[in-house]
PDB file of N, CA and C in Angstrom:
ATOM      1  N   MET A   1     109.752  86.832  71.569  1.00  0.00           N
ATOM      2  CA  MET A   1     110.938  87.194  72.302  1.00  0.00           C
ATOM      3  C   MET A   1     112.138  87.015  71.383  1.00  0.00           C
ATOM      4  N   GLN A   2     112.919  88.065  71.298  1.00  0.00           N
ATOM      5  CA  GLN A   2     114.078  88.057  70.421  1.00  0.00           C
ATOM      6  C   GLN A   2     115.339  88.218  71.267  1.00  0.00           C
ATOM      7  N   ILE A   3     116.278  87.283  71.135  1.00  0.00           N
ATOM      8  CA  ILE A   3     117.524  87.352  71.889  1.00  0.00           C
ATOM      9  C   ILE A   3     118.515  88.205  71.106  1.00  0.00           C
ATOM     10  N   LEU A   4     118.933  89.314  71.709  1.00  0.00           N
ATOM     11  CA  LEU A   4     119.879  90.217  71.059  1.00  0.00           C
ATOM     12  C   LEU A   4     121.323  89.824  71.338  1.00  0.00           C
ATOM     13  N   LYS A   5     121.594  89.404  72.577  1.00  0.00           N
ATOM     14  CA  LYS A   5     122.957  89.051  72.963  1.00  0.00           C
ATOM     15  C   LYS A   5     122.902  88.069  74.122  1.00  0.00           C
ATOM     16  N   GLU A   6     123.851  87.124  74.141  1.00  0.00           N
ATOM     17  CA  GLU A   6     123.894  86.133  75.206  1.00  0.00           C
ATOM     18  C   GLU A   6     125.354  85.860  75.565  1.00  0.00           C
ATOM     19  N   ASN A   7     125.710  86.110  76.832  1.00  0.00           N
ATOM     20  CA  ASN A   7     127.065  85.859  77.325  1.00  0.00           C
ATOM     21  C   ASN A   7     127.013  84.799  78.410  1.00  0.00           C
ATOM     22  N   ASP A   8     127.877  83.805  78.303  1.00  0.00           N
ATOM     23  CA  ASP A   8     127.972  82.788  79.341  1.00  0.00           C
ATOM     24  C   ASP A   8     129.142  83.156  80.243  1.00  0.00           C
ATOM     25  N   MET A   9     128.849  83.459  81.509  1.00  0.00           N
ATOM     26  CA  MET A   9     129.876  83.854  82.477  1.00  0.00           C
ATOM     27  C   MET A   9     130.083  82.697  83.450  1.00  0.00           C
ATOM     28  N   LYS A  10     131.006  81.814  83.120  1.00  0.00           N
ATOM     29  CA  LYS A  10     131.193  80.593  83.903  1.00  0.00           C
ATOM     30  C   LYS A  10     131.743  80.878  85.295  1.00  0.00           C
ATOM     31  N   LEU A  11     132.605  81.867  85.449  1.00  0.00           N
ATOM     32  CA  LEU A  11     133.158  82.179  86.766  1.00  0.00           C
ATOM     33  C   LEU A  11     132.090  82.695  87.728  1.00  0.00           C
ATOM     34  N   LEU A  12     131.070  83.362  87.194  1.00  0.00           N
ATOM     35  CA  LEU A  12     129.991  83.898  88.013  1.00  0.00           C
ATOM     36  C   LEU A  12     128.792  82.951  88.076  1.00  0.00           C
ATOM     37  N   SER A  13     128.880  81.836  87.386  1.00  0.00           N
ATOM     38  CA  SER A  13     127.803  80.831  87.329  1.00  0.00           C
ATOM     39  C   SER A  13     126.490  81.437  86.847  1.00  0.00           C
ATOM     40  N   ARG A  14     126.579  82.216  85.793  1.00  0.00           N
ATOM     41  CA  ARG A  14     125.361  82.817  85.257  1.00  0.00           C
ATOM     42  C   ARG A  14     125.499  83.090  83.762  1.00  0.00           C
ATOM     43  N   LYS A  15     124.351  83.356  83.154  1.00  0.00           N
ATOM     44  CA  LYS A  15     124.289  83.834  81.772  1.00  0.00           C
ATOM     45  C   LYS A  15     123.728  85.241  81.812  1.00  0.00           C
ATOM     46  N   ARG A  16     124.285  86.121  81.028  1.00  0.00           N
ATOM     47  CA  ARG A  16     123.742  87.473  80.885  1.00  0.00           C
ATOM     48  C   ARG A  16     123.102  87.535  79.502  1.00  0.00           C
ATOM     49  N   VAL A  17     121.817  87.809  79.494  1.00  0.00           N
ATOM     50  CA  VAL A  17     121.061  87.787  78.241  1.00  0.00           C
ATOM     51  C   VAL A  17     120.387  89.140  78.047  1.00  0.00           C
ATOM     52  N   ILE A  18     120.493  89.652  76.827  1.00  0.00           N
ATOM     53  CA  ILE A  18     119.775  90.870  76.458  1.00  0.00           C
ATOM     54  C   ILE A  18     118.681  90.456  75.479  1.00  0.00           C
ATOM     55  N   VAL A  19     117.440  90.783  75.848  1.00  0.00           N
ATOM     56  CA  VAL A  19     116.267  90.300  75.127  1.00  0.00           C
ATOM     57  C   VAL A  19     115.374  91.475  74.744  1.00  0.00           C
ATOM     58  N   MET A  20     114.698  91.361  73.614  1.00  0.00           N
ATOM     59  CA  MET A  20     113.695  92.336  73.193  1.00  0.00           C
ATOM     60  C   MET A  20     112.345  91.627  73.197  1.00  0.00           C
ATOM     61  N   ILE A  21     111.386  92.196  73.946  1.00  0.00           N
ATOM     62  CA  ILE A  21     110.040  91.626  74.044  1.00  0.00           C
ATOM     63  C   ILE A  21     109.045  92.648  73.520  1.00  0.00           C
ATOM     64  N   GLU A  22     108.062  92.173  72.751  1.00  0.00           N
ATOM     65  CA  GLU A  22     107.013  93.064  72.251  1.00  0.00           C
ATOM     66  C   GLU A  22     105.841  93.046  73.230  1.00  0.00           C
ATOM     67  N   ASN A  23     105.421  94.232  73.665  1.00  0.00           N
ATOM     68  CA  ASN A  23     104.312  94.369  74.612  1.00  0.00           C
ATOM     69  C   ASN A  23     102.989  94.414  73.862  1.00  0.00           C
ATOM     70  N   LYS A  24     101.962  93.878  74.484  1.00  0.00           N
ATOM     71  CA  LYS A  24     100.626  93.971  73.904  1.00  0.00           C
ATOM     72  C   LYS A  24      99.940  95.243  74.365  1.00  0.00           C
ATOM     73  N   ALA A  25     100.205  95.634  75.605  1.00  0.00           N
ATOM     74  CA  ALA A  25      99.587  96.849  76.161  1.00  0.00           C
ATOM     75  C   ALA A  25     100.669  97.615  76.921  1.00  0.00           C
ATOM     76  N   ALA A  26     100.480  97.768  78.207  1.00  0.00           N
ATOM     77  CA  ALA A  26     101.454  98.469  79.047  1.00  0.00           C
ATOM     78  C   ALA A  26     102.658  97.560  79.315  1.00  0.00           C
ATOM     79  N   THR A  27     103.699  98.152  79.860  1.00  0.00           N
ATOM     80  CA  THR A  27     104.881  97.378  80.202  1.00  0.00           C
ATOM     81  C   THR A  27     104.514  96.338  81.260  1.00  0.00           C
ATOM     82  N   PRO A  28     104.823  95.066  81.022  1.00  0.00           N
ATOM     83  CA  PRO A  28     104.463  94.027  81.988  1.00  0.00           C
ATOM     84  C   PRO A  28     105.265  94.160  83.286  1.00  0.00           C
ATOM     85  N   SER A  29     104.751  93.573  84.349  1.00  0.00           N
ATOM     86  CA  SER A  29     105.441  93.610  85.635  1.00  0.00           C
ATOM     87  C   SER A  29     106.641  92.665  85.605  1.00  0.00           C
ATOM     88  N   ARG A  30     107.507  92.803  86.597  1.00  0.00           N
ATOM     89  CA  ARG A  30     108.678  91.925  86.694  1.00  0.00           C
ATOM     90  C   ARG A  30     108.249  90.462  86.796  1.00  0.00           C
ATOM     91  N   ALA A  31     107.206  90.197  87.564  1.00  0.00           N
ATOM     92  CA  ALA A  31     106.742  88.822  87.756  1.00  0.00           C
ATOM     93  C   ALA A  31     106.291  88.208  86.422  1.00  0.00           C
ATOM     94  N   GLU A  32     105.557  88.957  85.624  1.00  0.00           N
ATOM     95  CA  GLU A  32     105.105  88.465  84.324  1.00  0.00           C
ATOM     96  C   GLU A  32     106.287  88.218  83.398  1.00  0.00           C
ATOM     97  N   LEU A  33     107.253  89.143  83.419  1.00  0.00           N
ATOM     98  CA  LEU A  33     108.438  88.993  82.573  1.00  0.00           C
ATOM     99  C   LEU A  33     109.252  87.776  82.986  1.00  0.00           C
ATOM    100  N   ILE A  34     109.384  87.556  84.288  1.00  0.00           N
ATOM    101  CA  ILE A  34     110.155  86.407  84.771  1.00  0.00           C
ATOM    102  C   ILE A  34     109.500  85.102  84.331  1.00  0.00           C
ATOM    103  N   LYS A  35     108.166  85.030  84.392  1.00  0.00           N
ATOM    104  CA  LYS A  35     107.461  83.820  83.948  1.00  0.00           C
ATOM    105  C   LYS A  35     107.730  83.551  82.469  1.00  0.00           C
ATOM    106  N   GLU A  36     107.671  84.604  81.669  1.00  0.00           N
ATOM    107  CA  GLU A  36     107.888  84.460  80.229  1.00  0.00           C
ATOM    108  C   GLU A  36     109.323  84.029  79.925  1.00  0.00           C
ATOM    109  N   VAL A  37     110.279  84.615  80.620  1.00  0.00           N
ATOM    110  CA  VAL A  37     111.698  84.273  80.411  1.00  0.00           C
ATOM    111  C   VAL A  37     111.963  82.838  80.870  1.00  0.00           C
ATOM    112  N   ALA A  38     111.367  82.439  82.001  1.00  0.00           N
ATOM    113  CA  ALA A  38     111.557  81.074  82.514  1.00  0.00           C
ATOM    114  C   ALA A  38     111.035  80.040  81.513  1.00  0.00           C
ATOM    115  N   LYS A  39     109.901  80.325  80.892  1.00  0.00           N
ATOM    116  CA  LYS A  39     109.367  79.414  79.870  1.00  0.00           C
ATOM    117  C   LYS A  39     110.320  79.312  78.689  1.00  0.00           C
ATOM    118  N   HIS A  40     110.797  80.461  78.227  1.00  0.00           N
ATOM    119  CA  HIS A  40     111.635  80.495  77.031  1.00  0.00           C
ATOM    120  C   HIS A  40     112.978  79.793  77.248  1.00  0.00           C
ATOM    121  N   PHE A  41     113.607  80.035  78.396  1.00  0.00           N
ATOM    122  CA  PHE A  41     114.927  79.470  78.660  1.00  0.00           C
ATOM    123  C   PHE A  41     114.870  78.160  79.456  1.00  0.00           C
ATOM    124  N   LYS A  42     113.673  77.709  79.793  1.00  0.00           N
ATOM    125  CA  LYS A  42     113.445  76.453  80.509  1.00  0.00           C
ATOM    126  C   LYS A  42     114.291  76.390  81.783  1.00  0.00           C
ATOM    127  N   THR A  43     114.081  77.372  82.640  1.00  0.00           N
ATOM    128  CA  THR A  43     114.777  77.443  83.912  1.00  0.00           C
ATOM    129  C   THR A  43     113.792  77.799  85.017  1.00  0.00           C
ATOM    130  N   LYS A  44     114.238  77.725  86.260  1.00  0.00           N
ATOM    131  CA  LYS A  44     113.374  78.045  87.392  1.00  0.00           C
ATOM    132  C   LYS A  44     113.241  79.558  87.527  1.00  0.00           C
ATOM    133  N   GLU A  45     112.060  79.986  87.949  1.00  0.00           N
ATOM    134  CA  GLU A  45     111.790  81.423  88.088  1.00  0.00           C
ATOM    135  C   GLU A  45     112.624  82.078  89.183  1.00  0.00           C
ATOM    136  N   ASP A  46     112.951  81.322  90.226  1.00  0.00           N
ATOM    137  CA  ASP A  46     113.704  81.922  91.328  1.00  0.00           C
ATOM    138  C   ASP A  46     115.196  82.072  91.034  1.00  0.00           C
ATOM    139  N   LEU A  47     115.659  81.610  89.873  1.00  0.00           N
ATOM    140  CA  LEU A  47     117.060  81.776  89.470  1.00  0.00           C
ATOM    141  C   LEU A  47     117.233  82.870  88.423  1.00  0.00           C
ATOM    142  N   ILE A  48     116.183  83.649  88.189  1.00  0.00           N
ATOM    143  CA  ILE A  48     116.216  84.719  87.183  1.00  0.00           C
ATOM    144  C   ILE A  48     116.197  86.065  87.881  1.00  0.00           C
ATOM    145  N   VAL A  49     117.094  86.953  87.447  1.00  0.00           N
ATOM    146  CA  VAL A  49     117.124  88.320  87.955  1.00  0.00           C
ATOM    147  C   VAL A  49     117.051  89.262  86.759  1.00  0.00           C
ATOM    148  N   ILE A  50     116.073  90.149  86.770  1.00  0.00           N
ATOM    149  CA  ILE A  50     115.969  91.162  85.718  1.00  0.00           C
ATOM    150  C   ILE A  50     116.725  92.388  86.196  1.00  0.00           C
ATOM    151  N   LYS A  51     117.846  92.669  85.552  1.00  0.00           N
ATOM    152  CA  LYS A  51     118.686  93.793  85.960  1.00  0.00           C
ATOM    153  C   LYS A  51     118.072  95.122  85.524  1.00  0.00           C
ATOM    154  N   HIS A  52     117.640  95.198  84.273  1.00  0.00           N
ATOM    155  CA  HIS A  52     117.107  96.450  83.737  1.00  0.00           C
ATOM    156  C   HIS A  52     115.923  96.172  82.829  1.00  0.00           C
ATOM    157  N   ILE A  53     114.984  97.120  82.835  1.00  0.00           N
ATOM    158  CA  ILE A  53     113.852  97.103  81.905  1.00  0.00           C
ATOM    159  C   ILE A  53     113.865  98.458  81.203  1.00  0.00           C
ATOM    160  N   TYR A  54     114.092  98.435  79.901  1.00  0.00           N
ATOM    161  CA  TYR A  54     114.131  99.678  79.128  1.00  0.00           C
ATOM    162  C   TYR A  54     112.892  99.761  78.248  1.00  0.00           C
ATOM    163  N   GLN A  55     112.062 100.755  78.502  1.00  0.00           N
ATOM    164  CA  GLN A  55     110.850 100.985  77.723  1.00  0.00           C
ATOM    165  C   GLN A  55     110.933 102.370  77.108  1.00  0.00           C
ATOM    166  N   GLN A  56     110.761 102.457  75.796  1.00  0.00           N
ATOM    167  CA  GLN A  56     110.777 103.754  75.122  1.00  0.00           C
ATOM    168  C   GLN A  56     109.348 104.247  74.953  1.00  0.00           C
ATOM    169  N   PHE A  57     109.167 105.548  75.115  1.00  0.00           N
ATOM    170  CA  PHE A  57     107.849 106.152  74.996  1.00  0.00           C
ATOM    171  C   PHE A  57     107.304 105.951  73.581  1.00  0.00           C
ATOM    172  N   GLY A  58     106.077 105.462  73.488  1.00  0.00           N
ATOM    173  CA  GLY A  58     105.419 105.281  72.203  1.00  0.00           C
ATOM    174  C   GLY A  58     105.849 104.031  71.456  1.00  0.00           C
ATOM    175  N   ASN A  59     106.706 103.242  72.044  1.00  0.00           N
ATOM    176  CA  ASN A  59     107.207 102.043  71.391  1.00  0.00           C
ATOM    177  C   ASN A  59     106.682 100.815  72.143  1.00  0.00           C
ATOM    178  N   LYS A  60     106.283  99.791  71.435  1.00  0.00           N
ATOM    179  CA  LYS A  60     105.731  98.607  72.083  1.00  0.00           C
ATOM    180  C   LYS A  60     106.786  97.563  72.421  1.00  0.00           C
ATOM    181  N   ASN A  61     108.040  97.869  72.177  1.00  0.00           N
ATOM    182  CA  ASN A  61     109.113  96.935  72.480  1.00  0.00           C
ATOM    183  C   ASN A  61     109.774  97.286  73.802  1.00  0.00           C
ATOM    184  N   THR A  62     110.132  96.256  74.552  1.00  0.00           N
ATOM    185  CA  THR A  62     110.825  96.430  75.828  1.00  0.00           C
ATOM    186  C   THR A  62     112.123  95.653  75.760  1.00  0.00           C
ATOM    187  N   LYS A  63     113.201  96.325  76.122  1.00  0.00           N
ATOM    188  CA  LYS A  63     114.515  95.690  76.150  1.00  0.00           C
ATOM    189  C   LYS A  63     114.817  95.308  77.590  1.00  0.00           C
ATOM    190  N   LEU A  64     115.230  94.048  77.795  1.00  0.00           N
ATOM    191  CA  LEU A  64     115.520  93.538  79.129  1.00  0.00           C
ATOM    192  C   LEU A  64     116.963  93.064  79.211  1.00  0.00           C
ATOM    193  N   ILE A  65     117.590  93.317  80.339  1.00  0.00           N
ATOM    194  CA  ILE A  65     118.885  92.719  80.636  1.00  0.00           C
ATOM    195  C   ILE A  65     118.638  91.761  81.793  1.00  0.00           C
ATOM    196  N   ILE A  66     118.934  90.486  81.556  1.00  0.00           N
ATOM    197  CA  ILE A  66     118.568  89.420  82.478  1.00  0.00           C
ATOM    198  C   ILE A  66     119.799  88.612  82.861  1.00  0.00           C
ATOM    199  N   HIS A  67     119.848  88.193  84.127  1.00  0.00           N
ATOM    200  CA  HIS A  67     120.859  87.250  84.584  1.00  0.00           C
ATOM    201  C   HIS A  67     120.167  85.937  84.929  1.00  0.00           C
ATOM    202  N   LEU A  68     120.650  84.846  84.340  1.00  0.00           N
ATOM    203  CA  LEU A  68     120.138  83.503  84.610  1.00  0.00           C
ATOM    204  C   LEU A  68     121.204  82.750  85.399  1.00  0.00           C
ATOM    205  N   TYR A  69     120.926  82.450  86.652  1.00  0.00           N
ATOM    206  CA  TYR A  69     121.916  81.815  87.525  1.00  0.00           C
ATOM    207  C   TYR A  69     121.762  80.304  87.546  1.00  0.00           C
ATOM    208  N   ASP A  70     122.884  79.636  87.889  1.00  0.00           N
ATOM    209  CA  ASP A  70     122.876  78.182  88.031  1.00  0.00           C
ATOM    210  C   ASP A  70     122.377  77.758  89.407  1.00  0.00           C
ATOM    211  N   ASP A  71     122.704  78.547  90.442  1.00  0.00           N
ATOM    212  CA  ASP A  71     122.224  78.226  91.784  1.00  0.00           C
ATOM    213  C   ASP A  71     121.953  79.508  92.579  1.00  0.00           C
ATOM    214  N   LYS A  72     121.131  79.354  93.621  1.00  0.00           N
ATOM    215  CA  LYS A  72     120.691  80.506  94.418  1.00  0.00           C
ATOM    216  C   LYS A  72     121.821  81.129  95.219  1.00  0.00           C
ATOM    217  N   GLU A  73     122.764  80.324  95.672  1.00  0.00           N
ATOM    218  CA  GLU A  73     123.871  80.832  96.487  1.00  0.00           C
ATOM    219  C   GLU A  73     124.689  81.857  95.711  1.00  0.00           C
ATOM    220  N   LYS A  74     124.989  81.552  94.468  1.00  0.00           N
ATOM    221  CA  LYS A  74     125.760  82.478  93.630  1.00  0.00           C
ATOM    222  C   LYS A  74     124.952  83.749  93.357  1.00  0.00           C
ATOM    223  N   MET A  75     123.646  83.577  93.186  1.00  0.00           N
ATOM    224  CA  MET A  75     122.783  84.727  92.933  1.00  0.00           C
ATOM    225  C   MET A  75     122.809  85.681  94.132  1.00  0.00           C
ATOM    226  N   LYS A  76     122.695  85.142  95.335  1.00  0.00           N
ATOM    227  CA  LYS A  76     122.730  85.974  96.535  1.00  0.00           C
ATOM    228  C   LYS A  76     124.090  86.616  96.749  1.00  0.00           C
ATOM    229  N   LEU A  77     125.140  85.943  96.300  1.00  0.00           N
ATOM    230  CA  LEU A  77     126.492  86.448  96.466  1.00  0.00           C
ATOM    231  C   LEU A  77     126.779  87.638  95.543  1.00  0.00           C
ATOM    232  N   PHE A  78     126.308  87.576  94.289  1.00  0.00           N
ATOM    233  CA  PHE A  78     126.670  88.577  93.290  1.00  0.00           C
ATOM    234  C   PHE A  78     125.652  89.696  93.087  1.00  0.00           C
ATOM    235  N   GLU A  79     124.390  89.463  93.381  1.00  0.00           N
ATOM    236  CA  GLU A  79     123.374  90.483  93.132  1.00  0.00           C
ATOM    237  C   GLU A  79     123.163  91.356  94.365  1.00  0.00           C
ATOM    238  N   HIS A  80     122.793  92.602  94.134  1.00  0.00           N
ATOM    239  CA  HIS A  80     122.515  93.532  95.226  1.00  0.00           C
ATOM    240  C   HIS A  80     121.258  93.102  95.969  1.00  0.00           C
ATOM    241  N   GLU A  81     121.260  93.338  97.271  1.00  0.00           N
ATOM    242  CA  GLU A  81     120.107  92.969  98.092  1.00  0.00           C
ATOM    243  C   GLU A  81     118.852  93.711  97.659  1.00  0.00           C
ATOM    244  N   ASP A  82     119.002  94.978  97.292  1.00  0.00           N
ATOM    245  CA  ASP A  82     117.847  95.774  96.881  1.00  0.00           C
ATOM    246  C   ASP A  82     117.171  95.182  95.647  1.00  0.00           C
ATOM    247  N   LEU A  83     117.968  94.723  94.717  1.00  0.00           N
ATOM    248  CA  LEU A  83     117.418  94.138  93.499  1.00  0.00           C
ATOM    249  C   LEU A  83     116.697  92.828  93.810  1.00  0.00           C
ATOM    250  N   LEU A  84     117.264  92.041  94.701  1.00  0.00           N
ATOM    251  CA  LEU A  84     116.612  90.789  95.089  1.00  0.00           C
ATOM    252  C   LEU A  84     115.309  91.062  95.836  1.00  0.00           C
ATOM    253  N   LYS A  85     115.271  92.145  96.629  1.00  0.00           N
ATOM    254  CA  LYS A  85     114.048  92.522  97.339  1.00  0.00           C
ATOM    255  C   LYS A  85     112.949  92.906  96.358  1.00  0.00           C
ATOM    256  N   LYS A  86     113.317  93.582  95.269  1.00  0.00           N
ATOM    257  CA  LYS A  86     112.325  93.949  94.243  1.00  0.00           C
ATOM    258  C   LYS A  86     111.634  92.703  93.703  1.00  0.00           C
ATOM    259  N   HIS A  87     112.416  91.672  93.458  1.00  0.00           N
ATOM    260  CA  HIS A  87     111.845  90.445  92.909  1.00  0.00           C
ATOM    261  C   HIS A  87     110.947  89.756  93.926  1.00  0.00           C
ATOM    262  N   LYS A  88     111.319  89.807  95.203  1.00  0.00           N
ATOM    263  CA  LYS A  88     110.486  89.200  96.237  1.00  0.00           C
ATOM    264  C   LYS A  88     109.189  89.966  96.413  1.00  0.00           C
ATOM    265  N   LYS A  89     109.227  91.309  96.318  1.00  0.00           N
ATOM    266  CA  LYS A  89     108.020  92.122  96.450  1.00  0.00           C
ATOM    267  C   LYS A  89     107.022  91.778  95.360  1.00  0.00           C
ATOM    268  N   GLU A  90     107.495  91.582  94.153  1.00  0.00           N
ATOM    269  CA  GLU A  90     106.605  91.238  93.042  1.00  0.00           C
ATOM    270  C   GLU A  90     105.898  89.918  93.319  1.00  0.00           C
ATOM    271  N   ASP A  91     106.639  88.948  93.863  1.00  0.00           N
ATOM    272  CA  ASP A  91     106.035  87.660  94.179  1.00  0.00           C
ATOM    273  C   ASP A  91     104.960  87.821  95.246  1.00  0.00           C
ATOM    274  N   LYS A  92     105.235  88.642  96.273  1.00  0.00           N
ATOM    275  CA  LYS A  92     104.267  88.861  97.339  1.00  0.00           C
ATOM    276  C   LYS A  92     103.019  89.550  96.823  1.00  0.00           C
ATOM    277  N   LYS A  93     103.186  90.541  95.942  1.00  0.00           N
ATOM    278  CA  LYS A  93     102.036  91.258  95.395  1.00  0.00           C
ATOM    279  C   LYS A  93     101.141  90.315  94.608  1.00  0.00           C
ATOM    280  N   ASP A  94     101.751  89.431  93.808  1.00  0.00           N
ATOM    281  CA  ASP A  94     100.963  88.473  93.043  1.00  0.00           C
ATOM    282  C   ASP A  94     100.207  87.524  93.963  1.00  0.00           C
ATOM    283  N   ALA A  95     100.847  87.087  95.048  1.00  0.00           N
ATOM    284  CA  ALA A  95     100.193  86.184  95.989  1.00  0.00           C
ATOM    285  C   ALA A  95      99.037  86.880  96.698  1.00  0.00           C
ATOM    286  N   GLU A  96      99.239  88.140  97.083  1.00  0.00           N
ATOM    287  CA  GLU A  96      98.184  88.898  97.750  1.00  0.00           C
ATOM    288  C   GLU A  96      97.013  89.158  96.811  1.00  0.00           C
ATOM    289  N   ALA A  97      97.304  89.436  95.565  1.00  0.00           N
ATOM    290  CA  ALA A  97      96.246  89.715  94.596  1.00  0.00           C
ATOM    291  C   ALA A  97      95.363  88.482  94.380  1.00  0.00           C
ATOM    292  N   SER A  98      95.957  87.314  94.414  1.00  0.00           N
ATOM    293  CA  SER A  98      95.168  86.094  94.229  1.00  0.00           C
ATOM    294  C   SER A  98      94.336  85.768  95.473  1.00  0.00           C
ATOM    295  N   GLU A  99      94.780  86.223  96.648  1.00  0.00           N
ATOM    296  CA  GLU A  99      94.052  85.950  97.880  1.00  0.00           C
ATOM    297  C   GLU A  99      92.962  86.971  98.172  1.00  0.00           C
ATOM    298  N   LYS A 100      93.026  88.159  97.628  1.00  0.00           N
ATOM    299  CA  LYS A 100      92.114  89.250  97.960  1.00  0.00           C
ATOM    300  C   LYS A 100      90.646  88.985  97.659  1.00  0.00           C
ATOM    301  N   PRO A 101      90.281  88.376  96.540  1.00  0.00           N
ATOM    302  CA  PRO A 101      88.849  88.253  96.264  1.00  0.00           C
ATOM    303  C   PRO A 101      88.128  87.278  97.196  1.00  0.00           C
ATOM    304  N   LYS A 102      88.145  87.562  98.485  1.00  0.00           N
ATOM    305  CA  LYS A 102      87.413  86.763  99.473  1.00  0.00           C
ATOM    306  C   LYS A 102      86.118  87.485  99.824  1.00  0.00           C
ATOM    307  N   ALA A 103      85.210  86.776 100.457  1.00  0.00           N
ATOM    308  CA  ALA A 103      83.929  87.368 100.839  1.00  0.00           C
ATOM    309  C   ALA A 103      84.162  88.449 101.883  1.00  0.00           C
ATOM    310  N   LYS A 104      83.424  89.540 101.747  1.00  0.00           N
ATOM    311  CA  LYS A 104      83.542  90.640 102.706  1.00  0.00           C
ATOM    312  C   LYS A 104      82.753  90.304 103.967  1.00  0.00           C
ATOM    313  N   GLU A 105      83.309  90.686 105.092  1.00  0.00           N
ATOM    314  CA  GLU A 105      82.623  90.473 106.357  1.00  0.00           C
ATOM    315  C   GLU A 105      81.604  91.586 106.553  1.00  0.00           C
ATOM    316  N   ASN A 106      80.631  91.355 107.428  1.00  0.00           N
ATOM    317  CA  ASN A 106      79.640  92.383 107.725  1.00  0.00           C
ATOM    318  C   ASN A 106      80.294  93.458 108.572  1.00  0.00           C
ATOM    319  N   VAL A 107      80.525  94.574 107.942  1.00  0.00           N
ATOM    320  CA  VAL A 107      81.152  95.700 108.626  1.00  0.00           C
ATOM    321  C   VAL A 107      80.080  96.749 108.852  1.00  0.00           C
ATOM    322  N   PRO A 108      79.909  97.211 110.102  1.00  0.00           N
ATOM    323  CA  PRO A 108      78.878  98.230 110.336  1.00  0.00           C
ATOM    324  C   PRO A 108      79.230  99.510 109.599  1.00  0.00           C
ATOM    325  N   GLU A 109      78.210 100.093 108.985  1.00  0.00           N
ATOM    326  CA  GLU A 109      78.423 101.317 108.225  1.00  0.00           C
ATOM    327  C   GLU A 109      78.565 102.498 109.172  1.00  0.00           C
ATOM    328  N   GLU A 110      79.416 103.424 108.813  1.00  0.00           N
ATOM    329  CA  GLU A 110      79.597 104.617 109.631  1.00  0.00           C
ATOM    330  C   GLU A 110      78.477 105.601 109.335  1.00  0.00           C
ATOM    331  N   LYS A 111      78.144 106.376 110.325  1.00  0.00           N
ATOM    332  CA  LYS A 111      77.088 107.368 110.150  1.00  0.00           C
ATOM    333  C   LYS A 111      77.626 108.547 109.361  1.00  0.00           C
ATOM    334  N   THR A 112      76.795 109.077 108.518  1.00  0.00           N
ATOM    335  CA  THR A 112      77.195 110.260 107.782  1.00  0.00           C
ATOM    336  C   THR A 112      77.118 111.466 108.701  1.00  0.00           C
ATOM    337  N   GLU A 113      77.668 112.564 108.269  1.00  0.00           N
ATOM    338  CA  GLU A 113      77.674 113.785 109.088  1.00  0.00           C
ATOM    339  C   GLU A 113      76.253 114.258 109.368  1.00  0.00           C
ATOM    340  N   GLN A 114      75.411 114.166 108.350  1.00  0.00           N
ATOM    341  CA  GLN A 114      74.040 114.639 108.502  1.00  0.00           C
ATOM    342  C   GLN A 114      73.292 113.824 109.559  1.00  0.00           C
ATOM    343  N   GLU A 115      73.479 112.499 109.564  1.00  0.00           N
ATOM    344  CA  GLU A 115      72.815 111.647 110.545  1.00  0.00           C
ATOM    345  C   GLU A 115      73.297 111.965 111.958  1.00  0.00           C
ATOM    346  N   SER A 116      74.585 112.205 112.103  1.00  0.00           N
ATOM    347  CA  SER A 116      75.118 112.504 113.432  1.00  0.00           C
ATOM    348  C   SER A 116      74.624 113.871 113.925  1.00  0.00           C
ATOM    349  N   VAL A 117      74.449 114.835 113.033  1.00  0.00           N
ATOM    350  CA  VAL A 117      73.925 116.158 113.393  1.00  0.00           C
ATOM    351  C   VAL A 117      72.469 116.033 113.817  1.00  0.00           C
ATOM    352  N   GLU A 118      71.696 115.225 113.098  1.00  0.00           N
ATOM    353  CA  GLU A 118      70.286 115.028 113.422  1.00  0.00           C
ATOM    354  C   GLU A 118      70.130 114.356 114.786  1.00  0.00           C
ATOM    355  N   GLU A 119      70.999 113.413 115.109  1.00  0.00           N
ATOM    356  CA  GLU A 119      70.924 112.749 116.408  1.00  0.00           C
ATOM    357  C   GLU A 119      71.228 113.721 117.538  1.00  0.00           C
ATOM    358  N   SER A 120      72.194 114.602 117.330  1.00  0.00           N
ATOM    359  CA  SER A 120      72.548 115.563 118.375  1.00  0.00           C
ATOM    360  C   SER A 120      71.420 116.582 118.583  1.00  0.00           C
ATOM    361  N   LYS A 121      70.671 116.918 117.534  1.00  0.00           N
ATOM    362  CA  LYS A 121      69.532 117.837 117.651  1.00  0.00           C
ATOM    363  C   LYS A 121      68.389 117.212 118.436  1.00  0.00           C
ATOM    364  N   GLU A 122      68.184 115.902 118.233  1.00  0.00           N
ATOM    365  CA  GLU A 122      67.109 115.205 118.913  1.00  0.00           C
ATOM    366  C   GLU A 122      67.355 115.132 120.422  1.00  0.00           C
ATOM    367  N   GLU A 123      68.569 115.070 120.829  1.00  0.00           N
ATOM    368  CA  GLU A 123      68.896 114.965 122.251  1.00  0.00           C
ATOM    369  C   GLU A 123      68.736 116.299 122.877  1.00  0.00           C
TER     370      GLU A 123
END
């Protein structure tokens, strides 16, 4: 992770950071990026907002514009609700993905068309 620019905005209680990250494969999800940024800047994941993700075609580098807040109240005050919803959706998807691999229940199989036609002929 390479820090390109860092602005401390004391009146807004946040830092605006522009970062360049090298991808190993496809562009990582917001949740993965937030975890990586939280480790690097040693802050809580729920105080990070990724404003923009810039990915160029054929390039393995991703440019991020990130806001690191001091408290949640200021984050809710200054950030758009839609952007905050995006971050919450990512968290929910990750939680659902970890819960999904449960045992399947015995679900009765549906009859194929051929079986249903054969039953109607027998009657």
